Amino acid sequence: MSAASNFAQWKEKLAVAWLARTEQERKYLAIGGALAALALVYGLFIAPALAAKARLEQELPQLRTQNAQLRSMALEAGELARQPVVQVTPMTRESLTAGLATLSITPASVTITGEYARLQLTGVSFANLVTWLDAQRRENRIGVQESTVTALAVAGQVDASLTLRQDSGAGAR
């Protein structure tokens, strides 16, 4: 049997069943079918769309705020990209010892080799050492490559051996 003949038989059986009903039954079945169709359309199409609309209306203010933040960050990044790279003063023995002297730290030895420096410190305040290293990092782009810090018997006092490296900024962009 073909699909067309199956459909024709099904249609004929439906027509016979429809005609066997009274006028009032047909009216109730038509109204019930229409209500079922409307409920199906509402459940499949309208309700999900309304729920999505409500969710998007709640998220929209947050998304607008994020958009404004991203735009301002992009403008700031563009301005920073146009600024020239600030060149730092090359690290010298004198600049290192002068910076240490401001915090009452006297190095046992300072050796400079290119962009690296090796410092030996004995009996220094750990707090002053950390403060000086932070200032060197921020102001002169000097970072610690290797360190050995040994606590002494006196509270807050350490012996330190540091290898420092200055970032010249050539590869910063």
Foldseek 3Di string as FASTA:
>chain_A
DDPVVVVVVVVVVVVVVLVVDDPVVNVVVVVVVVVVVVVVCCVPPVVVVVVVVVVCVVCVVVVVVVVVVVVVVVVVVVVVVPDDDDFADQDDPVVVQVLLVVLPFHWPDWDDDPQKIKTKGFFDFPVSVVVSQVCCCVRFVKHWPDKDWADDPPPRTIIMITMIGTDRCPPVD
